[in-house]
Amino acid sequence: MFHQKNYTQNSEASFCLSNGMETDCNPVGLSSMSGLEEDAELNGFGGADMKDMKLEAEAVVSDVLFAVNNMFVSKTLRCADDVAYINVETREGSRYCLELTEAGLRVVGYAFDQVDDHLHTPYHETVYSLLDTLSPAYREAFGNALLQRLEALKRDGQS
C-alpha cells in the first residue's frame, strides 16, 4: 500500500534533490511530530475526513509556496473525504490543477480549477517530486533555499 508523506507535520531540512533522486524533505525546518501525528503517519490517510484532506492540501501549499509563482487550494472544486485540489503556477508561468489523494499528487488539468477526466498522469508520492518534474525553476529555487539553510546552519555552528 502507498505511504503518503504527512505534510501537516512541522518538517524542516533534509536533502531532497540529490543527483536527480527525490526524497521527502523541506529546506525550511526540522521534523517535530507528536506521538499522535506519528500514529497518523504510520496509518497513512486511512480514516481521513474532508477537513483533514483540506488541511493536508494547505500544508502542501505552505511547504513549497516559496518556490512557485502562485499556489493555493481550490475554492471552486470541492474537497471530499478522499480528495483535495490544488492550483499551482510554476515560475515558468505554466498553470496546473493538482489532485491530492491517498495515492499521492498528480496533474489533472492544465489550468486553474480544471479537471480533465481523460488525462491520466502518474501519481507522485510528494509535491517535491511532482514539481521537480514540472518546473526546472522550482528545482533551482529549492536548491537555492536548501543551500541558504545549510550556510545558515554552518554559520550557527561556527559561532
N, C-alpha and C. Protein backbone atom coordinates (compact mmCIF):
# COMPACT_ATOMS: atom_id res chain seq x y z
N MET A 1 0.83 -1.18 0.00
CA MET A 1 0.00 0.00 0.00
C MET A 1 0.88 1.25 0.00
N PHE A 2 0.45 2.23 -0.69
CA PHE A 2 1.17 3.51 -0.79
C PHE A 2 1.24 4.18 0.57
N HIS A 3 2.38 4.78 0.89
CA HIS A 3 2.55 5.51 2.15
C HIS A 3 2.78 6.97 1.83
N GLN A 4 1.81 7.80 2.10
CA GLN A 4 1.83 9.24 1.79
C GLN A 4 2.60 10.02 2.86
N LYS A 5 3.40 10.98 2.44
CA LYS A 5 4.06 11.88 3.40
C LYS A 5 3.00 12.74 4.06
N ASN A 6 3.11 12.92 5.34
CA ASN A 6 2.18 13.76 6.08
C ASN A 6 2.72 15.18 6.07
N TYR A 7 2.14 16.05 5.23
CA TYR A 7 2.62 17.41 5.08
C TYR A 7 2.23 18.29 6.25
N THR A 8 1.28 17.86 7.08
CA THR A 8 0.85 18.71 8.17
C THR A 8 1.83 18.71 9.32
N GLN A 9 2.85 17.85 9.26
CA GLN A 9 3.87 17.90 10.30
C GLN A 9 4.72 19.14 10.12
N ASN A 10 5.40 19.54 11.17
CA ASN A 10 6.33 20.68 11.09
C ASN A 10 7.66 20.16 10.62
N SER A 11 7.83 20.03 9.30
CA SER A 11 9.06 19.45 8.80
C SER A 11 10.08 20.53 8.47
N GLU A 12 11.35 20.18 8.62
CA GLU A 12 12.44 21.07 8.26
C GLU A 12 13.53 20.25 7.61
N ALA A 13 14.57 20.80 7.21
CA ALA A 13 15.64 20.39 6.32
C ALA A 13 16.05 18.94 6.29
N SER A 14 16.02 18.39 5.13
CA SER A 14 16.74 17.19 4.77
C SER A 14 16.96 17.30 3.27
N PHE A 15 17.89 16.54 2.75
CA PHE A 15 18.18 16.69 1.34
C PHE A 15 17.05 16.15 0.50
N CYS A 16 16.78 16.81 -0.62
CA CYS A 16 15.68 16.42 -1.49
C CYS A 16 16.15 16.08 -2.88
N LEU A 17 16.91 16.92 -3.50
CA LEU A 17 17.29 16.70 -4.88
C LEU A 17 18.78 16.39 -4.92
N SER A 18 19.10 15.13 -4.88
CA SER A 18 20.47 14.70 -4.89
C SER A 18 20.68 13.82 -6.11
N ASN A 19 21.40 14.31 -7.08
CA ASN A 19 21.62 13.59 -8.32
C ASN A 19 20.33 13.16 -8.98
N GLY A 20 19.31 14.03 -8.94
CA GLY A 20 18.04 13.74 -9.58
C GLY A 20 17.14 12.82 -8.77
N MET A 21 17.61 12.34 -7.64
CA MET A 21 16.80 11.45 -6.80
C MET A 21 15.99 12.32 -5.85
N GLU A 22 14.74 11.96 -5.65
CA GLU A 22 13.85 12.76 -4.81
C GLU A 22 13.55 11.99 -3.54
N THR A 23 13.62 12.69 -2.41
CA THR A 23 13.20 12.12 -1.14
C THR A 23 12.33 13.13 -0.44
N ASP A 24 11.62 12.70 0.59
CA ASP A 24 10.74 13.61 1.31
C ASP A 24 11.57 14.61 2.10
N CYS A 25 11.33 15.91 1.85
CA CYS A 25 12.08 16.92 2.57
C CYS A 25 11.48 18.30 2.37
N ASN A 26 11.98 19.21 3.17
CA ASN A 26 11.60 20.61 3.09
C ASN A 26 12.79 21.39 3.61
N PRO A 27 13.32 22.35 2.86
CA PRO A 27 14.54 23.03 3.30
C PRO A 27 14.30 24.08 4.37
N VAL A 28 13.15 24.08 5.01
CA VAL A 28 12.83 25.17 5.92
C VAL A 28 12.94 24.79 7.40
N GLY A 29 12.58 23.59 7.86
CA GLY A 29 12.57 23.27 9.28
C GLY A 29 12.90 21.83 9.60
N LEU A 30 13.03 21.45 10.88
CA LEU A 30 13.29 20.08 11.29
C LEU A 30 12.01 19.43 11.79
N SER A 31 11.88 18.13 11.56
CA SER A 31 10.67 17.40 11.93
C SER A 31 10.47 17.39 13.45
N SER A 32 9.23 17.62 13.86
CA SER A 32 8.91 17.53 15.28
C SER A 32 7.48 17.02 15.41
N MET A 33 7.30 15.71 15.18
CA MET A 33 5.97 15.13 15.23
C MET A 33 5.64 14.67 16.64
N SER A 34 4.40 14.86 17.03
CA SER A 34 3.94 14.32 18.31
C SER A 34 3.62 12.86 18.11
N GLY A 35 3.40 12.14 19.18
CA GLY A 35 3.02 10.73 19.09
C GLY A 35 1.76 10.54 18.27
N LEU A 36 0.80 11.43 18.42
CA LEU A 36 -0.45 11.35 17.66
C LEU A 36 -0.19 11.51 16.17
N GLU A 37 0.66 12.47 15.79
CA GLU A 37 1.00 12.66 14.39
C GLU A 37 1.74 11.45 13.85
N GLU A 38 2.63 10.85 14.67
CA GLU A 38 3.35 9.66 14.24
C GLU A 38 2.39 8.53 13.95
N ASP A 39 1.37 8.33 14.82
CA ASP A 39 0.37 7.30 14.58
C ASP A 39 -0.36 7.56 13.28
N ALA A 40 -0.73 8.81 13.01
CA ALA A 40 -1.42 9.15 11.77
C ALA A 40 -0.50 8.90 10.58
N GLU A 41 0.78 9.21 10.75
CA GLU A 41 1.76 8.99 9.68
C GLU A 41 1.87 7.50 9.37
N LEU A 42 1.95 6.67 10.39
CA LEU A 42 2.08 5.24 10.18
C LEU A 42 0.85 4.65 9.51
N ASN A 43 -0.29 5.22 9.78
CA ASN A 43 -1.54 4.71 9.22
C ASN A 43 -1.91 5.37 7.90
N GLY A 44 -1.10 6.26 7.37
CA GLY A 44 -1.43 6.94 6.12
C GLY A 44 -2.64 7.82 6.31
N PHE A 45 -3.49 7.90 5.28
CA PHE A 45 -4.67 8.73 5.34
C PHE A 45 -5.90 7.95 5.74
N GLY A 46 -5.77 6.67 6.08
CA GLY A 46 -6.94 5.87 6.43
C GLY A 46 -7.79 6.59 7.44
N GLY A 47 -9.07 6.78 7.13
CA GLY A 47 -9.97 7.45 8.04
C GLY A 47 -9.90 8.96 7.95
N ALA A 48 -9.15 9.51 7.01
CA ALA A 48 -9.09 10.97 6.88
C ALA A 48 -10.45 11.50 6.47
N ASP A 49 -10.86 12.63 7.04
CA ASP A 49 -12.13 13.22 6.63
C ASP A 49 -11.85 14.44 5.76
N MET A 50 -12.91 15.08 5.28
CA MET A 50 -12.78 16.20 4.35
C MET A 50 -11.89 17.29 4.94
N LYS A 51 -12.11 17.64 6.18
CA LYS A 51 -11.33 18.69 6.81
C LYS A 51 -9.85 18.33 6.83
N ASP A 52 -9.53 17.07 7.15
CA ASP A 52 -8.14 16.64 7.20
C ASP A 52 -7.49 16.71 5.81
N MET A 53 -8.19 16.28 4.75
CA MET A 53 -7.62 16.33 3.41
C MET A 53 -7.39 17.78 2.98
N LYS A 54 -8.30 18.66 3.34
CA LYS A 54 -8.11 20.08 3.00
C LYS A 54 -6.92 20.64 3.78
N LEU A 55 -6.79 20.28 5.05
CA LEU A 55 -5.64 20.71 5.84
C LEU A 55 -4.34 20.16 5.25
N GLU A 56 -4.38 18.94 4.79
CA GLU A 56 -3.20 18.33 4.17
C GLU A 56 -2.82 19.12 2.91
N ALA A 57 -3.82 19.50 2.11
CA ALA A 57 -3.57 20.29 0.90
C ALA A 57 -2.99 21.66 1.26
N GLU A 58 -3.51 22.29 2.30
CA GLU A 58 -2.98 23.58 2.73
C GLU A 58 -1.53 23.46 3.20
N ALA A 59 -1.21 22.35 3.85
CA ALA A 59 0.17 22.13 4.29
C ALA A 59 1.10 21.91 3.09
N VAL A 60 0.61 21.20 2.06
CA VAL A 60 1.39 21.02 0.83
C VAL A 60 1.73 22.38 0.24
N VAL A 61 0.73 23.25 0.16
CA VAL A 61 0.92 24.59 -0.39
C VAL A 61 1.97 25.35 0.42
N SER A 62 1.85 25.34 1.73
CA SER A 62 2.78 26.12 2.54
C SER A 62 4.21 25.59 2.46
N ASP A 63 4.36 24.29 2.18
CA ASP A 63 5.70 23.70 2.05
C ASP A 63 6.47 24.23 0.86
N VAL A 64 5.80 24.53 -0.25
CA VAL A 64 6.54 24.86 -1.48
C VAL A 64 6.16 26.21 -2.08
N LEU A 65 5.35 26.98 -1.41
CA LEU A 65 4.91 28.27 -1.95
C LEU A 65 6.08 29.18 -2.29
N PHE A 66 7.18 29.07 -1.54
CA PHE A 66 8.36 29.90 -1.76
C PHE A 66 9.00 29.65 -3.12
N ALA A 67 8.72 28.53 -3.76
CA ALA A 67 9.43 28.13 -4.98
C ALA A 67 8.56 28.13 -6.23
N VAL A 68 7.35 28.67 -6.13
CA VAL A 68 6.44 28.77 -7.29
C VAL A 68 5.89 30.19 -7.36
N ASN A 69 5.29 30.56 -8.48
CA ASN A 69 4.68 31.89 -8.60
C ASN A 69 3.43 32.00 -7.74
N ASN A 70 2.60 30.97 -7.76
CA ASN A 70 1.33 31.00 -7.04
C ASN A 70 0.89 29.57 -6.78
N MET A 71 0.27 29.35 -5.63
CA MET A 71 -0.22 28.01 -5.29
C MET A 71 -1.27 28.16 -4.21
N PHE A 72 -2.42 27.52 -4.39
CA PHE A 72 -3.50 27.62 -3.40
C PHE A 72 -4.47 26.46 -3.57
N VAL A 73 -5.14 26.13 -2.47
CA VAL A 73 -6.17 25.10 -2.50
C VAL A 73 -7.36 25.68 -3.26
N SER A 74 -7.91 24.89 -4.18
CA SER A 74 -9.04 25.36 -4.98
C SER A 74 -10.25 25.67 -4.11
N LYS A 75 -10.86 26.81 -4.37
CA LYS A 75 -12.10 27.17 -3.70
C LYS A 75 -13.30 26.79 -4.57
N THR A 76 -13.05 26.49 -5.85
CA THR A 76 -14.10 26.13 -6.79
C THR A 76 -14.39 24.63 -6.77
N LEU A 77 -13.33 23.82 -6.81
CA LEU A 77 -13.50 22.37 -6.81
C LEU A 77 -13.66 21.90 -5.37
N ARG A 78 -14.66 21.06 -5.13
CA ARG A 78 -14.97 20.63 -3.77
C ARG A 78 -13.98 19.59 -3.26
N CYS A 79 -13.57 19.76 -2.02
CA CYS A 79 -12.82 18.72 -1.33
C CYS A 79 -13.82 17.65 -0.92
N ALA A 80 -13.36 16.43 -0.86
CA ALA A 80 -14.20 15.31 -0.41
C ALA A 80 -13.42 14.53 0.63
N ASP A 81 -13.99 13.44 1.09
CA ASP A 81 -13.31 12.64 2.11
C ASP A 81 -11.93 12.19 1.66
N ASP A 82 -11.78 11.97 0.37
CA ASP A 82 -10.56 11.36 -0.13
C ASP A 82 -9.81 12.18 -1.18
N VAL A 83 -10.19 13.46 -1.37
CA VAL A 83 -9.53 14.24 -2.42
C VAL A 83 -9.59 15.74 -2.11
N ALA A 84 -8.53 16.42 -2.52
CA ALA A 84 -8.49 17.89 -2.49
C ALA A 84 -7.78 18.33 -3.76
N TYR A 85 -8.06 19.55 -4.20
CA TYR A 85 -7.46 20.08 -5.42
C TYR A 85 -6.63 21.31 -5.11
N ILE A 86 -5.48 21.38 -5.76
CA ILE A 86 -4.53 22.47 -5.55
C ILE A 86 -4.20 23.07 -6.91
N ASN A 87 -4.27 24.39 -7.01
CA ASN A 87 -3.86 25.10 -8.22
C ASN A 87 -2.44 25.60 -8.02
N VAL A 88 -1.61 25.44 -9.05
CA VAL A 88 -0.23 25.89 -8.96
C VAL A 88 0.18 26.56 -10.27
N GLU A 89 0.89 27.67 -10.14
CA GLU A 89 1.54 28.30 -11.29
C GLU A 89 3.03 28.25 -11.04
N THR A 90 3.75 27.59 -11.93
CA THR A 90 5.19 27.46 -11.78
C THR A 90 5.88 28.78 -12.08
N ARG A 91 7.15 28.87 -11.76
CA ARG A 91 7.91 30.08 -12.04
C ARG A 91 8.05 30.33 -13.54
N GLU A 92 7.84 29.28 -14.34
CA GLU A 92 7.86 29.45 -15.79
C GLU A 92 6.54 30.00 -16.31
N GLY A 93 5.51 30.10 -15.45
CA GLY A 93 4.22 30.63 -15.84
C GLY A 93 3.21 29.57 -16.25
N SER A 94 3.56 28.30 -16.18
CA SER A 94 2.62 27.22 -16.52
C SER A 94 1.67 26.99 -15.35
N ARG A 95 0.40 26.79 -15.68
CA ARG A 95 -0.62 26.56 -14.65
C ARG A 95 -1.10 25.12 -14.68
N TYR A 96 -1.33 24.59 -13.48
CA TYR A 96 -1.78 23.21 -13.33
C TYR A 96 -2.83 23.13 -12.23
N CYS A 97 -3.71 22.16 -12.37
CA CYS A 97 -4.60 21.78 -11.29
C CYS A 97 -4.12 20.41 -10.83
N LEU A 98 -3.84 20.29 -9.54
CA LEU A 98 -3.33 19.05 -8.97
C LEU A 98 -4.40 18.39 -8.11
N GLU A 99 -4.40 17.09 -8.12
CA GLU A 99 -5.30 16.31 -7.28
C GLU A 99 -4.46 15.67 -6.17
N LEU A 100 -4.90 15.82 -4.94
CA LEU A 100 -4.24 15.21 -3.79
C LEU A 100 -5.15 14.12 -3.24
N THR A 101 -4.68 12.89 -3.25
CA THR A 101 -5.44 11.76 -2.72
C THR A 101 -4.50 10.89 -1.90
N GLU A 102 -5.02 9.81 -1.38
CA GLU A 102 -4.20 8.86 -0.64
C GLU A 102 -3.10 8.28 -1.53
N ALA A 103 -3.35 8.23 -2.83
CA ALA A 103 -2.37 7.69 -3.78
C ALA A 103 -1.22 8.67 -4.04
N GLY A 104 -1.39 9.94 -3.70
CA GLY A 104 -0.36 10.94 -3.92
C GLY A 104 -0.92 12.15 -4.64
N LEU A 105 -0.05 12.84 -5.36
CA LEU A 105 -0.44 14.03 -6.12
C LEU A 105 -0.23 13.77 -7.61
N ARG A 106 -1.14 14.32 -8.42
CA ARG A 106 -0.98 14.22 -9.86
C ARG A 106 -1.63 15.41 -10.54
N VAL A 107 -1.17 15.69 -11.76
CA VAL A 107 -1.77 16.75 -12.57
C VAL A 107 -3.08 16.22 -13.14
N VAL A 108 -4.16 16.99 -12.95
CA VAL A 108 -5.46 16.61 -13.52
C VAL A 108 -5.96 17.66 -14.52
N GLY A 109 -5.25 18.78 -14.64
CA GLY A 109 -5.65 19.81 -15.59
C GLY A 109 -4.52 20.79 -15.84
N TYR A 110 -4.61 21.46 -16.98
CA TYR A 110 -3.59 22.41 -17.37
C TYR A 110 -4.07 23.85 -17.27
N ALA A 111 -4.95 24.10 -16.33
CA ALA A 111 -5.44 25.44 -15.99
C ALA A 111 -5.97 25.36 -14.56
N PHE A 112 -6.10 26.49 -13.90
CA PHE A 112 -6.64 26.50 -12.55
C PHE A 112 -8.06 25.95 -12.56
N ASP A 113 -8.39 25.17 -11.54
CA ASP A 113 -9.73 24.62 -11.33
C ASP A 113 -10.24 23.81 -12.51
N GLN A 114 -9.36 23.21 -13.28
CA GLN A 114 -9.76 22.39 -14.42
C GLN A 114 -9.41 20.93 -14.14
N VAL A 115 -10.40 20.05 -14.26
CA VAL A 115 -10.17 18.62 -14.13
C VAL A 115 -10.55 17.97 -15.45
N ASP A 116 -9.56 17.39 -16.12
CA ASP A 116 -9.78 16.68 -17.38
C ASP A 116 -9.83 15.19 -17.06
N ASP A 117 -11.02 14.61 -17.14
CA ASP A 117 -11.21 13.19 -16.81
C ASP A 117 -10.46 12.26 -17.76
N HIS A 118 -10.07 12.75 -18.93
CA HIS A 118 -9.34 11.93 -19.90
C HIS A 118 -7.83 11.99 -19.71
N LEU A 119 -7.38 12.82 -18.79
CA LEU A 119 -5.96 12.99 -18.51
C LEU A 119 -5.52 11.92 -17.50
N HIS A 120 -4.55 11.12 -17.87
CA HIS A 120 -4.06 10.05 -16.99
C HIS A 120 -2.57 10.26 -16.73
N THR A 121 -2.27 11.11 -15.77
CA THR A 121 -0.89 11.41 -15.42
C THR A 121 -0.48 10.57 -14.21
N PRO A 122 0.81 10.33 -14.05
CA PRO A 122 1.26 9.49 -12.93
C PRO A 122 1.13 10.20 -11.59
N TYR A 123 0.94 9.42 -10.55
CA TYR A 123 0.94 9.95 -9.18
C TYR A 123 2.37 10.12 -8.72
N HIS A 124 2.57 11.15 -7.91
CA HIS A 124 3.86 11.40 -7.26
C HIS A 124 3.65 11.30 -5.76
N GLU A 125 4.59 10.68 -5.09
CA GLU A 125 4.47 10.49 -3.64
C GLU A 125 4.52 11.81 -2.90
N THR A 126 5.27 12.78 -3.43
CA THR A 126 5.40 14.07 -2.75
C THR A 126 5.22 15.22 -3.73
N VAL A 127 4.90 16.38 -3.21
CA VAL A 127 4.79 17.58 -4.03
C VAL A 127 6.16 17.96 -4.59
N TYR A 128 7.22 17.65 -3.85
CA TYR A 128 8.58 17.95 -4.30
C TYR A 128 8.89 17.18 -5.59
N SER A 129 8.55 15.92 -5.61
CA SER A 129 8.78 15.08 -6.79
C SER A 129 7.97 15.59 -7.98
N LEU A 130 6.71 15.92 -7.74
CA LEU A 130 5.85 16.40 -8.82
C LEU A 130 6.38 17.70 -9.40
N LEU A 131 6.68 18.67 -8.55
CA LEU A 131 7.18 19.96 -9.04
C LEU A 131 8.56 19.82 -9.69
N ASP A 132 9.36 18.89 -9.22
CA ASP A 132 10.67 18.65 -9.81
C ASP A 132 10.52 18.23 -11.27
N THR A 133 9.47 17.48 -11.59
CA THR A 133 9.25 17.05 -12.98
C THR A 133 8.63 18.15 -13.83
N LEU A 134 7.89 19.07 -13.22
CA LEU A 134 7.18 20.11 -13.96
C LEU A 134 7.97 21.39 -14.18
N SER A 135 8.92 21.70 -13.28
CA SER A 135 9.48 23.04 -13.27
C SER A 135 10.98 23.06 -12.93
N PRO A 136 11.82 23.27 -13.94
CA PRO A 136 13.25 23.45 -13.64
C PRO A 136 13.51 24.64 -12.71
N ALA A 137 12.70 25.69 -12.81
CA ALA A 137 12.87 26.85 -11.93
C ALA A 137 12.53 26.51 -10.49
N TYR A 138 11.57 25.59 -10.27
CA TYR A 138 11.28 25.11 -8.92
C TYR A 138 12.53 24.43 -8.36
N ARG A 139 13.11 23.55 -9.16
CA ARG A 139 14.29 22.80 -8.74
C ARG A 139 15.40 23.77 -8.33
N GLU A 140 15.61 24.82 -9.13
CA GLU A 140 16.63 25.82 -8.82
C GLU A 140 16.30 26.57 -7.53
N ALA A 141 15.04 27.01 -7.38
CA ALA A 141 14.63 27.74 -6.18
C ALA A 141 14.77 26.87 -4.94
N PHE A 142 14.39 25.61 -5.07
CA PHE A 142 14.51 24.69 -3.95
C PHE A 142 15.97 24.49 -3.57
N GLY A 143 16.82 24.28 -4.58
CA GLY A 143 18.25 24.10 -4.33
C GLY A 143 18.86 25.33 -3.67
N ASN A 144 18.47 26.52 -4.13
CA ASN A 144 18.98 27.76 -3.52
C ASN A 144 18.53 27.89 -2.06
N ALA A 145 17.27 27.55 -1.78
CA ALA A 145 16.77 27.63 -0.40
C ALA A 145 17.51 26.64 0.49
N LEU A 146 17.76 25.46 -0.04
CA LEU A 146 18.48 24.45 0.72
C LEU A 146 19.91 24.92 1.00
N LEU A 147 20.55 25.49 0.00
CA LEU A 147 21.91 26.00 0.17
C LEU A 147 21.96 27.10 1.22
N GLN A 148 21.00 28.03 1.17
CA GLN A 148 20.95 29.11 2.17
C GLN A 148 20.76 28.55 3.57
N ARG A 149 19.91 27.54 3.70
CA ARG A 149 19.67 26.92 5.01
C ARG A 149 20.94 26.24 5.53
N LEU A 150 21.64 25.54 4.65
CA LEU A 150 22.88 24.87 5.05
C LEU A 150 23.95 25.88 5.45
N GLU A 151 24.04 26.99 4.71
CA GLU A 151 25.00 28.03 5.06
C GLU A 151 24.67 28.65 6.40
N ALA A 152 23.37 28.85 6.68
CA ALA A 152 22.95 29.40 7.97
C ALA A 152 23.30 28.43 9.10
N LEU A 153 23.10 27.14 8.88
CA LEU A 153 23.45 26.13 9.89
C LEU A 153 24.96 26.12 10.13
N LYS A 154 25.73 26.26 9.07
CA LYS A 154 27.19 26.30 9.19
C LYS A 154 27.62 27.51 10.01
N ARG A 155 27.02 28.69 9.69
CA ARG A 155 27.35 29.92 10.46
C ARG A 155 26.97 29.74 11.94
N ASP A 156 25.80 29.18 12.19
CA ASP A 156 25.37 28.97 13.58
C ASP A 156 26.31 28.01 14.30
N GLY A 157 26.83 27.03 13.60
CA GLY A 157 27.74 26.07 14.20
C GLY A 157 29.10 26.64 14.48
N GLN A 158 29.48 27.71 13.77
CA GLN A 158 30.79 28.33 13.95
C GLN A 158 30.78 29.40 15.03
N SER A 159 29.58 29.81 15.48
CA SER A 159 29.55 30.88 16.49
C SER A 159 29.50 30.34 17.89
